[in-house]
């Protein structure tokens, strides 16, 4: 099972499109956020973001991650978001990532 803290950090970066803003929202340092994402990428053997000094873009593997799938399918209220997440994440995840579980939405 993937570390839920890494998944929460990944989701924040994907939502914010910024390591710095994700760090601020999570109450972490930017280097901790970067470390969490790096460790998650190493654990799944896939690159989740394309980064350079001035931009950040999510990769197709990043879009397929359960946390990103949950974020995309999240409805305005949490119970609807959980139902959408529970039914939809597995099919969007590449075979190599299917052992990853959806974090709570």
Protein backbone atom coordinates (compact mmCIF):
# COMPACT_ATOMS: atom_id res chain seq x y z
CA UNK A 1 0.00 0.00 0.00
CA UNK A 2 1.24 3.49 -0.81
CA UNK A 3 1.97 5.93 1.99
CA UNK A 4 -1.22 8.00 2.48
CA UNK A 5 0.81 11.09 3.40
CA UNK A 6 2.63 10.91 0.05
CA UNK A 7 -0.73 10.53 -1.72
CA UNK A 8 -2.21 13.50 0.15
CA UNK A 9 0.86 15.56 -0.75
CA UNK A 10 0.62 14.48 -4.39
CA UNK A 11 -3.06 15.47 -4.49
CA UNK A 12 -2.28 18.91 -3.03
CA UNK A 13 0.47 19.54 -5.60
CA UNK A 14 -1.80 18.40 -8.43
CA UNK A 15 -4.61 20.64 -7.16
CA UNK A 16 -2.39 23.70 -6.56
CA UNK A 17 -0.06 23.25 -9.55
CA UNK A 18 2.68 24.34 -7.17
CA UNK A 19 4.98 22.63 -4.68
CA UNK A 20 5.25 25.87 -2.70
CA UNK A 21 1.50 26.44 -2.43
CA UNK A 22 0.87 22.78 -1.60
CA UNK A 23 3.47 23.06 1.16
CA UNK A 24 1.76 26.15 2.55
CA UNK A 25 -1.66 24.48 2.55
CA UNK A 26 -0.32 21.29 4.14
CA UNK A 27 1.80 23.10 6.72
CA UNK A 28 5.00 21.54 5.38
CA UNK A 29 8.21 22.87 3.92
CA UNK A 30 8.58 22.93 0.15
CA UNK A 31 11.46 20.47 0.43
CA UNK A 32 9.25 18.01 2.38
CA UNK A 33 6.58 18.22 -0.33
CA UNK A 34 9.22 17.63 -3.00
CA UNK A 35 10.57 14.66 -1.01
CA UNK A 36 7.09 13.12 -0.63
CA UNK A 37 6.43 13.35 -4.36
CA UNK A 38 9.89 11.97 -5.18
CA UNK A 39 9.35 9.01 -2.84
CA UNK A 40 5.91 8.34 -4.32
CA UNK A 41 7.37 8.43 -7.83
CA UNK A 42 10.10 6.00 -6.76
CA UNK A 43 7.57 3.68 -5.10
CA UNK A 44 5.43 3.38 -8.23
CA UNK A 45 8.27 3.65 -10.73
CA UNK A 46 6.55 6.45 -12.65
CA UNK A 47 7.05 10.15 -13.07
CA UNK A 48 4.00 12.07 -11.87
CA UNK A 49 5.04 15.63 -12.71
CA UNK A 50 7.23 17.33 -15.28
CA UNK A 51 9.07 20.05 -13.41
CA UNK A 52 11.45 22.80 -14.31
CA UNK A 53 12.36 26.02 -12.56
CA UNK A 54 9.33 27.91 -13.90
CA UNK A 55 6.57 25.37 -14.46
CA UNK A 56 4.92 22.22 -13.22
CA UNK A 57 2.76 19.89 -15.30
CA UNK A 58 1.10 16.65 -14.32
CA UNK A 59 1.98 13.66 -16.50
CA UNK A 60 -0.50 11.14 -17.86
CA UNK A 61 0.65 8.75 -15.11
CA UNK A 62 -0.03 11.52 -12.58
CA UNK A 63 -3.52 12.02 -13.99
CA UNK A 64 -4.12 8.28 -13.65
CA UNK A 65 -3.16 8.19 -9.97
CA UNK A 66 -6.07 7.40 -7.66
CA UNK A 67 -5.75 10.71 -5.79
CA UNK A 68 -5.97 12.66 -9.05
CA UNK A 69 -8.90 10.52 -10.21
CA UNK A 70 -10.69 11.24 -6.96
CA UNK A 71 -9.97 14.96 -7.32
CA UNK A 72 -11.41 15.01 -10.86
CA UNK A 73 -14.54 13.09 -9.93
CA UNK A 74 -15.16 14.86 -6.62
CA UNK A 75 -18.65 16.27 -6.34
CA UNK A 76 -19.61 19.34 -4.28
CA UNK A 77 -20.32 17.28 -1.16
CA UNK A 78 -18.09 14.65 0.43
CA UNK A 79 -20.55 11.73 0.33
CA UNK A 80 -21.04 12.13 -3.43
CA UNK A 81 -17.29 12.46 -3.88
CA UNK A 82 -16.69 9.24 -1.94
CA UNK A 83 -19.25 7.37 -4.07
CA UNK A 84 -17.69 8.70 -7.29
CA UNK A 85 -14.22 7.81 -6.05
CA UNK A 86 -15.15 4.32 -4.90
CA UNK A 87 -16.61 3.45 -8.28
CA UNK A 88 -14.20 5.09 -10.64
CA UNK A 89 -10.58 5.03 -9.58
CA UNK A 90 -9.59 1.49 -10.46
CA UNK A 91 -10.53 1.72 -14.11
CA UNK A 92 -8.52 4.91 -14.64
CA UNK A 93 -5.35 3.50 -13.12
CA UNK A 94 -2.79 1.75 -15.34
CA UNK A 95 -2.31 -1.94 -14.59
CA UNK A 96 1.02 -1.25 -12.89
CA UNK A 97 -0.66 1.16 -10.46
CA UNK A 98 -3.86 -0.78 -9.70
CA UNK A 99 -2.61 -1.99 -6.32
CA UNK A 100 -2.75 1.62 -5.12
CA UNK A 101 -5.91 2.40 -3.17
CA UNK A 102 -7.94 5.55 -3.34
CA UNK A 103 -7.36 7.78 -0.36
CA UNK A 104 -10.52 9.13 1.29
CA UNK A 105 -11.96 11.95 -0.80
